[in-house]
Amino acid sequence: MIKTAIITSDTSIDHDTGPGHPEKPDRVAAVLDGLKKNENLIWKNSKKFDEEIIKITHSKKYVDQVLSSFPKKGLFFLDGDTIVSPGSKRATYDAVGSIVTAIDGIERKKFDNAFCGVRPPGHHSCKEKAMGFCIFNNVAVGANYLINKYNYKRIAIIDFDVHHGNGTQDIFYENEKVLYISTHQYPYYPGTGSEKEKGKYNNILNIPLPAGTKSSEYLDAYNHVLKKLQEFQPEYIIFSAGFDAHKNDPLAQFNLESKDFYEITKRTILATKKFTNGKIVSILEGGYDLGALSESAHEHVKALQEIN
């Protein structure tokens, strides 16, 4: 049986974004409470790591700027909707640590794949800029860690969050070792993600879809993702797992069902397993309706566990 780990951090709930903010501590609680009903998961806490590795992805200037911005009390705005509080520092570093912990666990054969149920999310964070609730780009740090520590040459990042991961695209636009694929509502926040944005090495694939996209339309479009993956032959998959394409999500206008996230995950694993040997790390991005988020994450993790 596939051994799937859930990597968590007790500090995720300490990242206070203020009253009424959609990226709230309850999100992680909803995900983890749902997964605790699954008795076959391996649970691990995010471990400490060499924080210098963040500077492979983000500039030293930006990392220093973020460090100095965490307030002693109250809230501080990194941009119009990216807010930090005193508890945000540890949560932010533990979110990065979760993907490092997941990768190390897979490489040491302690488990086969992993889902990181942490916050803040990361895929809007650019090399030198916080935005869209994101401080450090967790998946980008993970991909660079795979390249620098474990010498991987072909990493595919698949971002099914309803918003385009402009930060991840920005960081890897000229990196032939990383294929970035995004399905997203377009035109919509953050305004990037047209089909014309292809990367220096044709290593970016954007699949912009209109508001109102239904399950059947989305899964038809997802065939382009699978085709690109089979051409690239990735050695490792990283999911930017945002669940805000769900029909109940308040921040977007896609109409996916919870079970579609099982299908997305399953199809991806089946299309790439002969290249990756099942090496997959997934990390939570968006998803703002708590019920839909819990159900969708459960479906995603169920597929991680099932596909031999």
Protein backbone atom coordinates (compact mmCIF):
# COMPACT_ATOMS: atom_id res chain seq x y z
CA MET A 1 0.00 0.00 0.00
CA ILE A 2 1.14 3.53 -0.76
CA LYS A 3 2.48 5.33 2.32
CA THR A 4 1.22 8.92 2.30
CA ALA A 5 2.42 11.43 4.88
CA ILE A 6 0.62 14.54 6.07
CA ILE A 7 3.10 17.24 7.07
CA THR A 8 1.66 19.81 9.44
CA SER A 9 2.77 22.67 11.64
CA ASP A 10 1.27 23.67 14.96
CA THR A 11 2.16 27.28 14.12
CA SER A 12 -0.14 27.53 11.07
CA ILE A 13 -2.97 28.74 13.30
CA ASP A 14 -0.77 31.50 14.77
CA HIS A 15 -0.59 33.33 11.42
CA ASP A 16 -3.28 35.95 12.13
CA THR A 17 -4.50 37.83 9.05
CA GLY A 18 -7.09 39.93 10.89
CA PRO A 19 -10.90 39.83 11.12
CA GLY A 20 -12.80 38.95 7.95
CA HIS A 21 -9.72 37.88 5.96
CA PRO A 22 -10.46 34.82 3.78
CA GLU A 23 -7.01 33.25 4.35
CA LYS A 24 -7.75 32.43 7.98
CA PRO A 25 -6.48 29.84 10.50
CA ASP A 26 -9.72 27.84 10.26
CA ARG A 27 -8.68 26.73 6.77
CA VAL A 28 -5.91 24.44 7.97
CA ALA A 29 -8.07 23.16 10.83
CA ALA A 30 -10.80 22.20 8.33
CA VAL A 31 -8.34 20.30 6.15
CA LEU A 32 -6.63 18.44 9.00
CA ASP A 33 -9.84 17.61 10.88
CA GLY A 34 -11.14 15.97 7.70
CA LEU A 35 -7.96 13.97 7.15
CA LYS A 36 -7.81 12.72 10.75
CA LYS A 37 -10.68 10.35 9.92
CA ASN A 38 -8.27 8.52 7.59
CA GLU A 39 -6.44 5.94 9.70
CA ASN A 40 -3.82 5.00 7.10
CA LEU A 41 -1.95 8.30 6.95
CA ILE A 42 1.48 9.00 8.44
CA TRP A 43 1.54 12.27 10.40
CA LYS A 44 4.71 14.36 10.67
CA ASN A 45 5.49 17.85 11.90
CA SER A 46 7.43 20.35 9.82
CA LYS A 47 11.06 20.24 10.92
CA LYS A 48 13.63 22.98 11.25
CA PHE A 49 15.83 23.44 8.18
CA ASP A 50 18.73 25.56 6.94
CA GLU A 51 16.93 28.85 6.26
CA GLU A 52 19.66 29.88 3.80
CA ILE A 53 17.95 27.67 1.21
CA ILE A 54 15.17 30.26 0.90
CA LYS A 55 17.77 32.61 -0.63
CA ILE A 56 18.15 30.31 -3.65
CA THR A 57 14.54 31.22 -4.53
CA HIS A 58 14.16 34.73 -3.09
CA SER A 59 16.77 37.48 -2.97
CA LYS A 60 18.62 38.12 0.29
CA LYS A 61 17.21 41.66 0.21
CA TYR A 62 13.64 40.35 0.08
CA VAL A 63 14.19 37.72 2.79
CA ASP A 64 15.70 40.37 5.07
CA GLN A 65 12.80 42.71 4.31
CA VAL A 66 10.25 40.02 5.24
CA LEU A 67 12.12 39.18 8.44
CA SER A 68 12.10 42.78 9.55
CA SER A 69 8.39 43.18 8.78
CA PHE A 70 6.96 40.71 11.31
CA PRO A 71 5.46 42.97 13.99
CA LYS A 72 5.88 42.63 17.74
CA LYS A 73 2.15 43.33 18.07
CA GLY A 74 -0.78 44.07 15.80
CA LEU A 75 -0.81 43.55 12.04
CA PHE A 76 1.53 44.65 9.23
CA PHE A 77 0.59 44.79 5.52
CA LEU A 78 3.21 43.42 3.10
CA ASP A 79 0.80 44.42 0.33
CA GLY A 80 -2.92 45.25 0.16
CA ASP A 81 -4.07 41.75 1.10
CA THR A 82 -0.94 40.02 2.46
CA ILE A 83 -0.93 40.59 6.20
CA VAL A 84 1.45 39.40 8.92
CA SER A 85 1.18 39.30 12.71
CA PRO A 86 3.59 38.30 15.51
CA GLY A 87 2.74 34.61 14.99
CA SER A 88 3.31 34.78 11.24
CA LYS A 89 7.09 34.44 11.35
CA ARG A 90 7.19 30.89 12.66
CA ALA A 91 4.18 29.87 10.55
CA THR A 92 5.84 31.22 7.40
CA TYR A 93 9.10 29.41 8.04
CA ASP A 94 7.32 26.22 9.07
CA ALA A 95 5.30 26.29 5.82
CA VAL A 96 8.58 26.29 3.89
CA GLY A 97 9.94 23.67 6.29
CA SER A 98 6.99 21.39 5.57
CA ILE A 99 7.94 20.93 1.92
CA VAL A 100 11.60 20.38 2.87
CA THR A 101 10.49 17.80 5.47
CA ALA A 102 8.28 16.10 2.87
CA ILE A 103 11.07 15.89 0.29
CA ASP A 104 13.60 14.55 2.80
CA GLY A 105 11.10 11.93 4.00
CA ILE A 106 10.46 10.68 0.46
CA GLU A 107 14.16 10.65 -0.41
CA ARG A 108 14.91 8.66 2.77
CA LYS A 109 12.08 6.25 1.90
CA LYS A 110 10.14 6.95 5.09
CA PHE A 111 6.98 7.40 2.98
CA ASP A 112 6.09 7.46 -0.72
CA ASN A 113 4.41 10.84 -1.15
CA ALA A 114 3.18 13.70 1.02
CA PHE A 115 0.62 16.45 1.41
CA CYS A 116 1.60 19.55 3.41
CA GLY A 117 -1.41 20.98 5.24
CA VAL A 118 0.04 24.35 6.21
CA ARG A 119 -0.33 28.09 5.69
CA PRO A 120 0.46 30.76 4.55
CA PRO A 121 0.22 29.70 0.90
CA GLY A 122 2.99 30.59 -1.54
CA HIS A 123 2.32 30.55 -5.28
CA HIS A 124 1.77 34.31 -5.75
CA SER A 125 5.05 35.16 -4.00
CA CYS A 126 7.60 36.38 -6.57
CA LYS A 127 11.38 36.47 -6.26
CA GLU A 128 11.24 39.88 -4.57
CA LYS A 129 7.58 40.50 -3.74
CA ALA A 130 4.83 39.26 -1.43
CA MET A 131 1.31 39.26 -2.81
CA GLY A 132 -2.01 37.43 -2.81
CA PHE A 133 -1.75 36.14 0.80
CA CYS A 134 1.69 34.63 -0.03
CA ILE A 135 5.00 35.47 1.69
CA PHE A 136 7.59 32.87 0.61
CA ASN A 137 6.98 30.64 -2.41
CA ASN A 138 6.84 27.22 -0.77
CA VAL A 139 6.70 25.13 -3.97
CA ALA A 140 9.53 27.11 -5.56
CA VAL A 141 11.75 26.57 -2.53
CA GLY A 142 10.87 22.86 -2.74
CA ALA A 143 11.76 22.62 -6.43
CA ASN A 144 15.06 24.42 -5.90
CA TYR A 145 15.80 22.15 -2.95
CA LEU A 146 15.27 19.10 -5.17
CA ILE A 147 17.67 20.57 -7.74
CA ASN A 148 20.36 21.73 -5.32
CA LYS A 149 20.27 19.01 -2.63
CA TYR A 150 19.18 15.96 -4.61
CA ASN A 151 20.35 16.84 -8.14
CA TYR A 152 17.00 16.39 -9.90
CA LYS A 153 16.94 17.61 -13.50
CA ARG A 154 13.22 17.53 -14.41
CA ILE A 155 10.65 18.75 -11.89
CA ALA A 156 7.03 19.46 -12.82
CA ILE A 157 4.96 21.86 -10.73
CA ILE A 158 1.23 21.46 -11.34
CA ASP A 159 -0.87 24.31 -10.02
CA PHE A 160 -4.63 23.64 -10.02
CA ASP A 161 -5.46 26.61 -7.78
CA VAL A 162 -8.12 28.73 -9.50
CA HIS A 163 -5.74 31.73 -9.50
CA HIS A 164 -2.64 31.78 -11.68
CA GLY A 165 0.57 31.20 -9.73
CA ASN A 166 2.36 34.23 -11.09
CA GLY A 167 5.10 33.99 -8.47
CA THR A 168 6.06 30.42 -9.36
CA GLN A 169 6.03 31.30 -13.05
CA ASP A 170 8.17 34.37 -12.38
CA ILE A 171 10.78 32.37 -10.44
CA PHE A 172 11.14 29.56 -13.02
CA TYR A 173 10.50 31.41 -16.29
CA GLU A 174 14.09 30.83 -17.43
CA ASN A 175 14.81 27.50 -15.74
CA GLU A 176 14.80 24.50 -18.08
CA LYS A 177 14.82 22.04 -15.15
CA VAL A 178 11.34 23.11 -14.01
CA LEU A 179 8.09 22.76 -15.94
CA TYR A 180 5.34 24.96 -14.50
CA ILE A 181 1.75 24.14 -15.49
CA SER A 182 -1.26 26.16 -14.34
CA THR A 183 -4.98 25.78 -14.93
CA HIS A 184 -6.82 28.90 -13.78
CA GLN A 185 -9.72 31.28 -14.25
CA TYR A 186 -8.84 33.98 -16.78
CA PRO A 187 -9.05 36.93 -16.96
CA TYR A 188 -8.91 37.13 -13.19
CA TYR A 189 -6.55 37.87 -10.31
CA PRO A 190 -3.58 38.33 -10.58
CA GLY A 191 -3.97 39.15 -14.29
CA THR A 192 -1.16 36.90 -15.54
CA GLY A 193 -1.35 33.43 -17.08
CA SER A 194 -2.17 33.88 -20.75
CA GLU A 195 -1.29 31.12 -23.23
CA LYS A 196 1.41 33.40 -24.66
CA GLU A 197 3.52 33.13 -21.49
CA LYS A 198 5.59 30.05 -22.38
CA GLY A 199 8.95 30.44 -20.60
CA LYS A 200 12.43 30.65 -22.10
CA TYR A 201 12.59 26.88 -22.69
CA ASN A 202 8.89 26.32 -23.44
CA ASN A 203 8.77 25.26 -19.78
CA ILE A 204 5.58 27.16 -18.88
CA LEU A 205 2.13 25.89 -19.86
CA ASN A 206 -0.81 28.10 -18.96
CA ILE A 207 -4.34 26.83 -19.51
CA PRO A 208 -6.60 29.86 -18.96
CA LEU A 209 -10.29 28.97 -18.62
CA PRO A 210 -13.37 31.18 -18.35
CA ALA A 211 -15.52 31.85 -15.31
CA GLY A 212 -18.25 29.21 -15.07
CA THR A 213 -16.01 26.32 -16.19
CA LYS A 214 -17.72 23.02 -15.28
CA SER A 215 -16.17 19.67 -14.33
CA SER A 216 -16.41 18.12 -17.81
CA GLU A 217 -14.89 21.21 -19.46
CA TYR A 218 -12.09 21.37 -16.92
CA LEU A 219 -11.20 17.68 -17.22
CA ASP A 220 -11.19 17.97 -21.03
CA ALA A 221 -8.74 20.86 -20.75
CA TYR A 222 -6.66 18.88 -18.26
CA ASN A 223 -5.74 16.47 -21.06
CA HIS A 224 -3.34 19.20 -22.27
CA VAL A 225 -1.63 19.04 -18.86
CA LEU A 226 -1.20 15.27 -19.15
CA LYS A 227 0.17 15.52 -22.69
CA LYS A 228 2.75 18.13 -21.66
CA LEU A 229 3.79 16.03 -18.66
CA GLN A 230 4.35 12.97 -20.82
CA GLU A 231 6.51 15.02 -23.19
CA PHE A 232 8.56 16.47 -20.31
CA GLN A 233 8.95 13.12 -18.44
CA PRO A 234 9.30 14.61 -14.95
CA GLU A 235 11.35 12.86 -12.27
CA TYR A 236 9.31 14.56 -9.55
CA ILE A 237 5.85 16.14 -9.23
CA ILE A 238 4.99 19.05 -6.95
CA PHE A 239 1.32 20.05 -6.66
CA SER A 240 0.31 23.60 -5.81
CA ALA A 241 -2.92 22.29 -4.36
CA GLY A 242 -5.44 25.10 -4.26
CA PHE A 243 -9.04 23.97 -3.90
CA ASP A 244 -10.71 27.28 -4.77
CA ALA A 245 -11.87 26.03 -8.18
CA HIS A 246 -14.70 24.38 -6.23
CA LYS A 247 -18.22 25.55 -7.10
CA ASN A 248 -18.81 26.72 -3.50
CA ASP A 249 -15.69 28.86 -3.21
CA PRO A 250 -16.44 32.55 -2.56
CA LEU A 251 -13.32 33.96 -4.28
CA ALA A 252 -13.76 32.58 -7.80
CA GLN A 253 -16.28 31.36 -10.36
CA PHE A 254 -15.31 27.80 -11.37
CA ASN A 255 -17.80 24.99 -10.84
CA LEU A 256 -15.72 21.95 -9.90
CA GLU A 257 -17.00 19.29 -7.48
CA SER A 258 -14.99 17.88 -4.57
CA LYS A 259 -14.55 14.54 -6.35
CA ASP A 260 -12.89 16.27 -9.32
CA PHE A 261 -9.78 16.78 -7.21
CA TYR A 262 -9.51 13.00 -6.87
CA GLU A 263 -9.75 12.72 -10.65
CA ILE A 264 -7.15 15.46 -11.31
CA THR A 265 -4.71 13.81 -8.91
CA LYS A 266 -5.31 10.27 -10.14
CA ARG A 267 -4.89 11.18 -13.81
CA THR A 268 -1.67 13.04 -13.08
CA ILE A 269 -0.17 10.14 -11.14
CA LEU A 270 -1.11 7.58 -13.80
CA ALA A 271 0.35 9.76 -16.58
CA THR A 272 3.69 10.28 -14.83
CA LYS A 273 4.34 7.28 -12.57
CA LYS A 274 6.77 5.58 -14.98
CA PHE A 275 8.96 8.72 -14.84
CA THR A 276 8.56 9.71 -11.18
CA ASN A 277 8.21 6.31 -9.46
CA GLY A 278 5.39 8.03 -7.58
CA LYS A 279 7.52 10.80 -6.05
CA ILE A 280 5.00 13.53 -5.30
CA VAL A 281 4.86 16.39 -2.83
CA SER A 282 1.70 18.49 -2.58
CA ILE A 283 1.15 21.65 -0.55
CA LEU A 284 -1.97 23.61 0.28
CA GLU A 285 -2.56 26.87 -1.59
CA GLY A 286 -6.06 28.39 -1.81
CA GLY A 287 -9.57 27.22 -0.92
CA TYR A 288 -11.86 29.46 1.13
CA ASP A 289 -15.13 27.60 1.69
CA LEU A 290 -14.31 25.42 4.69
CA GLY A 291 -16.62 22.53 3.80
CA ALA A 292 -15.53 22.41 0.17
CA LEU A 293 -11.89 22.75 1.20
CA SER A 294 -12.08 19.82 3.65
CA GLU A 295 -13.88 17.55 1.18
CA SER A 296 -11.61 18.44 -1.75
CA ALA A 297 -8.38 17.94 0.21
CA HIS A 298 -9.72 14.56 1.38
CA GLU A 299 -10.33 13.55 -2.26
CA HIS A 300 -6.84 14.72 -3.31
CA VAL A 301 -5.12 12.79 -0.51
CA LYS A 302 -7.26 9.70 -1.19
CA ALA A 303 -5.87 9.62 -4.74
CA LEU A 304 -2.31 10.03 -3.43
CA GLN A 305 -2.85 6.95 -1.27
CA GLU A 306 -4.50 4.74 -3.84
CA ILE A 307 -2.53 4.84 -7.04
CA ASN A 308 0.05 2.05 -7.21
